[in-house]
Amino acid sequence: MLTVQLAAEKAGVSKSLVYIWVEKNVLPHFRLGKPGSRGTIRIDESDLKTFLDSLKRAKRPKESPPPAHRTNGIFRHINVR
């Protein structure tokens, strides 16, 4: 189980960002302590990895421009409605 500090270090982000993730309930966590108190937050390392993997974005391949239409060797634009 990771503390907020360790989770932030492993994720390469600030502690405050980890607290935001916890507050918004997007990062699974445990809050240990007496009911009604803030308690202490612990994060399972596998939950952190799964969460970070969910943020990963794939690179999109560069789109090639649409083919231009030719008229007598001269390019012209076509308006489509």
N, C-alpha and C. Protein backbone atom coordinates (compact mmCIF):
# COMPACT_ATOMS: atom_id res chain seq x y z
N MET A 1 0.84 -1.17 0.00
CA MET A 1 0.00 0.00 0.00
C MET A 1 0.89 1.25 0.00
N LEU A 2 0.52 2.20 -0.83
CA LEU A 2 1.32 3.41 -0.98
C LEU A 2 0.68 4.59 -0.26
N THR A 3 1.51 5.45 0.28
CA THR A 3 1.02 6.72 0.81
C THR A 3 0.79 7.65 -0.38
N VAL A 4 0.16 8.76 -0.14
CA VAL A 4 -0.05 9.75 -1.21
C VAL A 4 1.30 10.21 -1.75
N GLN A 5 2.26 10.43 -0.87
CA GLN A 5 3.60 10.87 -1.28
C GLN A 5 4.24 9.85 -2.22
N LEU A 6 4.20 8.57 -1.83
CA LEU A 6 4.82 7.53 -2.67
C LEU A 6 4.07 7.37 -3.99
N ALA A 7 2.75 7.45 -3.95
CA ALA A 7 1.96 7.34 -5.19
C ALA A 7 2.31 8.49 -6.14
N ALA A 8 2.47 9.69 -5.59
CA ALA A 8 2.84 10.84 -6.41
C ALA A 8 4.22 10.64 -7.04
N GLU A 9 5.16 10.14 -6.25
CA GLU A 9 6.51 9.90 -6.78
C GLU A 9 6.48 8.85 -7.88
N LYS A 10 5.74 7.76 -7.68
CA LYS A 10 5.68 6.70 -8.69
C LYS A 10 5.00 7.19 -9.97
N ALA A 11 3.99 8.06 -9.81
CA ALA A 11 3.26 8.57 -10.98
C ALA A 11 3.98 9.75 -11.63
N GLY A 12 4.94 10.34 -10.92
CA GLY A 12 5.66 11.49 -11.46
C GLY A 12 4.82 12.76 -11.45
N VAL A 13 3.95 12.87 -10.45
CA VAL A 13 3.08 14.04 -10.33
C VAL A 13 3.20 14.60 -8.91
N SER A 14 2.51 15.70 -8.65
CA SER A 14 2.53 16.30 -7.32
C SER A 14 1.55 15.59 -6.39
N LYS A 15 1.79 15.74 -5.09
CA LYS A 15 0.87 15.19 -4.10
C LYS A 15 -0.51 15.81 -4.27
N SER A 16 -0.55 17.10 -4.57
CA SER A 16 -1.85 17.77 -4.69
C SER A 16 -2.68 17.17 -5.82
N LEU A 17 -2.04 16.72 -6.90
CA LEU A 17 -2.79 16.10 -7.99
C LEU A 17 -3.35 14.75 -7.54
N VAL A 18 -2.57 14.00 -6.77
CA VAL A 18 -3.07 12.72 -6.25
C VAL A 18 -4.27 12.98 -5.34
N TYR A 19 -4.20 14.02 -4.49
CA TYR A 19 -5.34 14.36 -3.64
C TYR A 19 -6.57 14.73 -4.47
N ILE A 20 -6.37 15.40 -5.60
CA ILE A 20 -7.49 15.75 -6.48
C ILE A 20 -8.12 14.47 -7.05
N TRP A 21 -7.27 13.54 -7.51
CA TRP A 21 -7.78 12.27 -8.03
C TRP A 21 -8.59 11.53 -6.97
N VAL A 22 -8.09 11.55 -5.74
CA VAL A 22 -8.77 10.89 -4.63
C VAL A 22 -10.10 11.59 -4.35
N GLU A 23 -10.07 12.92 -4.28
CA GLU A 23 -11.27 13.69 -3.99
C GLU A 23 -12.36 13.46 -5.04
N LYS A 24 -11.95 13.33 -6.31
CA LYS A 24 -12.90 13.12 -7.39
C LYS A 24 -13.28 11.64 -7.55
N ASN A 25 -12.70 10.78 -6.72
CA ASN A 25 -12.97 9.34 -6.76
C ASN A 25 -12.62 8.70 -8.09
N VAL A 26 -11.59 9.19 -8.75
CA VAL A 26 -11.14 8.57 -10.00
C VAL A 26 -9.97 7.62 -9.74
N LEU A 27 -9.32 7.76 -8.61
CA LEU A 27 -8.23 6.87 -8.22
C LEU A 27 -8.70 6.05 -7.03
N PRO A 28 -8.83 4.72 -7.20
CA PRO A 28 -9.26 3.89 -6.08
C PRO A 28 -8.29 4.04 -4.90
N HIS A 29 -8.84 4.12 -3.70
CA HIS A 29 -8.01 4.32 -2.52
C HIS A 29 -8.74 3.81 -1.28
N PHE A 30 -7.98 3.70 -0.20
CA PHE A 30 -8.52 3.34 1.10
C PHE A 30 -8.33 4.53 2.01
N ARG A 31 -9.34 4.82 2.81
CA ARG A 31 -9.22 5.87 3.82
C ARG A 31 -9.32 5.18 5.17
N LEU A 32 -8.21 5.17 5.89
CA LEU A 32 -8.12 4.47 7.16
C LEU A 32 -8.22 5.45 8.31
N GLY A 33 -8.95 5.08 9.33
CA GLY A 33 -9.08 5.94 10.51
C GLY A 33 -10.47 5.82 11.10
N LYS A 34 -10.73 6.62 12.10
CA LYS A 34 -12.03 6.62 12.76
C LYS A 34 -13.10 7.22 11.84
N PRO A 35 -14.33 6.70 11.93
CA PRO A 35 -15.41 7.31 11.14
C PRO A 35 -15.58 8.78 11.52
N GLY A 36 -15.77 9.61 10.53
CA GLY A 36 -15.93 11.04 10.76
C GLY A 36 -14.62 11.81 10.74
N SER A 37 -13.49 11.10 10.79
CA SER A 37 -12.20 11.79 10.71
C SER A 37 -11.67 11.67 9.29
N ARG A 38 -10.73 12.52 8.95
CA ARG A 38 -10.15 12.47 7.60
C ARG A 38 -9.37 11.19 7.39
N GLY A 39 -8.75 10.70 8.45
CA GLY A 39 -7.99 9.46 8.33
C GLY A 39 -6.76 9.61 7.47
N THR A 40 -6.21 8.49 7.10
CA THR A 40 -5.03 8.48 6.24
C THR A 40 -5.37 7.73 4.96
N ILE A 41 -4.79 8.14 3.88
CA ILE A 41 -5.12 7.57 2.57
C ILE A 41 -4.02 6.59 2.17
N ARG A 42 -4.44 5.43 1.69
CA ARG A 42 -3.52 4.44 1.15
C ARG A 42 -4.02 4.01 -0.22
N ILE A 43 -3.08 3.79 -1.12
CA ILE A 43 -3.40 3.45 -2.50
C ILE A 43 -2.68 2.16 -2.86
N ASP A 44 -3.43 1.21 -3.37
CA ASP A 44 -2.84 -0.06 -3.80
C ASP A 44 -2.02 0.21 -5.07
N GLU A 45 -0.83 -0.33 -5.12
CA GLU A 45 0.07 -0.07 -6.25
C GLU A 45 -0.54 -0.53 -7.57
N SER A 46 -1.25 -1.66 -7.57
CA SER A 46 -1.87 -2.14 -8.81
C SER A 46 -3.01 -1.22 -9.24
N ASP A 47 -3.74 -0.62 -8.28
CA ASP A 47 -4.79 0.35 -8.63
C ASP A 47 -4.19 1.60 -9.26
N LEU A 48 -3.05 2.04 -8.74
CA LEU A 48 -2.37 3.20 -9.31
C LEU A 48 -1.94 2.91 -10.74
N LYS A 49 -1.37 1.73 -10.97
CA LYS A 49 -0.91 1.37 -12.32
C LYS A 49 -2.10 1.30 -13.28
N THR A 50 -3.19 0.67 -12.85
CA THR A 50 -4.38 0.56 -13.70
C THR A 50 -4.93 1.95 -14.03
N PHE A 51 -4.98 2.82 -13.02
CA PHE A 51 -5.46 4.18 -13.24
C PHE A 51 -4.58 4.93 -14.23
N LEU A 52 -3.26 4.85 -14.04
CA LEU A 52 -2.34 5.55 -14.95
C LEU A 52 -2.45 4.99 -16.37
N ASP A 53 -2.61 3.67 -16.49
CA ASP A 53 -2.78 3.08 -17.82
C ASP A 53 -4.04 3.59 -18.50
N SER A 54 -5.08 3.87 -17.70
CA SER A 54 -6.34 4.36 -18.28
C SER A 54 -6.18 5.79 -18.83
N LEU A 55 -5.17 6.50 -18.37
CA LEU A 55 -4.93 7.87 -18.85
C LEU A 55 -4.11 7.90 -20.13
N LYS A 56 -3.52 6.78 -20.47
CA LYS A 56 -2.61 6.72 -21.61
C LYS A 56 -3.38 6.96 -22.90
N ARG A 57 -2.84 7.80 -23.73
CA ARG A 57 -3.44 8.11 -25.03
C ARG A 57 -2.51 7.60 -26.12
N ALA A 58 -3.09 6.97 -27.12
CA ALA A 58 -2.30 6.47 -28.23
C ALA A 58 -2.00 7.62 -29.18
N LYS A 59 -0.83 7.55 -29.78
CA LYS A 59 -0.49 8.55 -30.79
C LYS A 59 -1.31 8.25 -32.04
N ARG A 60 -1.87 9.31 -32.58
CA ARG A 60 -2.62 9.15 -33.82
C ARG A 60 -1.66 9.28 -34.99
N PRO A 61 -1.81 8.42 -35.99
CA PRO A 61 -0.95 8.58 -37.17
C PRO A 61 -1.32 9.88 -37.87
N LYS A 62 -0.32 10.49 -38.48
CA LYS A 62 -0.57 11.72 -39.22
C LYS A 62 -1.50 11.42 -40.38
N GLU A 63 -2.50 12.26 -40.49
CA GLU A 63 -3.44 12.07 -41.59
C GLU A 63 -2.88 12.70 -42.85
N SER A 64 -3.00 11.98 -43.94
CA SER A 64 -2.53 12.55 -45.20
C SER A 64 -3.64 13.44 -45.76
N PRO A 65 -3.26 14.50 -46.43
CA PRO A 65 -4.27 15.41 -46.97
C PRO A 65 -5.11 14.69 -48.03
N PRO A 66 -6.36 15.10 -48.19
CA PRO A 66 -7.19 14.46 -49.21
C PRO A 66 -6.61 14.71 -50.59
N PRO A 67 -6.83 13.78 -51.49
CA PRO A 67 -6.27 13.97 -52.83
C PRO A 67 -6.92 15.17 -53.53
N ALA A 68 -6.11 15.92 -54.25
CA ALA A 68 -6.63 17.08 -54.98
C ALA A 68 -7.10 16.59 -56.35
N HIS A 69 -8.13 17.22 -56.84
CA HIS A 69 -8.64 16.87 -58.17
C HIS A 69 -7.91 17.72 -59.19
N ARG A 70 -7.60 17.12 -60.31
CA ARG A 70 -6.84 17.83 -61.35
C ARG A 70 -7.71 18.12 -62.56
N THR A 71 -7.48 19.26 -63.13
CA THR A 71 -8.12 19.63 -64.39
C THR A 71 -7.03 20.21 -65.28
N ASN A 72 -6.72 19.52 -66.34
CA ASN A 72 -5.69 19.94 -67.29
C ASN A 72 -4.37 20.25 -66.59
N GLY A 73 -3.99 19.42 -65.63
CA GLY A 73 -2.72 19.61 -64.95
C GLY A 73 -2.73 20.71 -63.90
N ILE A 74 -3.89 21.38 -63.70
CA ILE A 74 -4.00 22.44 -62.70
C ILE A 74 -4.88 21.93 -61.57
N PHE A 75 -4.43 22.15 -60.33
CA PHE A 75 -5.22 21.73 -59.18
C PHE A 75 -6.39 22.70 -58.99
N ARG A 76 -7.54 22.17 -58.64
CA ARG A 76 -8.65 23.05 -58.32
C ARG A 76 -9.38 22.48 -57.11
N HIS A 77 -10.02 23.35 -56.35
CA HIS A 77 -10.75 22.93 -55.16
C HIS A 77 -12.19 22.66 -55.52
N ILE A 78 -12.77 21.69 -54.87
CA ILE A 78 -14.16 21.35 -55.10
C ILE A 78 -14.92 21.63 -53.82
N ASN A 79 -15.99 22.41 -53.90
CA ASN A 79 -16.84 22.70 -52.75
C ASN A 79 -17.92 21.62 -52.66
N VAL A 80 -18.04 21.02 -51.50
CA VAL A 80 -19.04 19.98 -51.29
C VAL A 80 -20.04 20.52 -50.28
N ARG A 81 -21.28 20.40 -50.61
CA ARG A 81 -22.34 20.88 -49.69
C ARG A 81 -23.18 19.75 -49.21
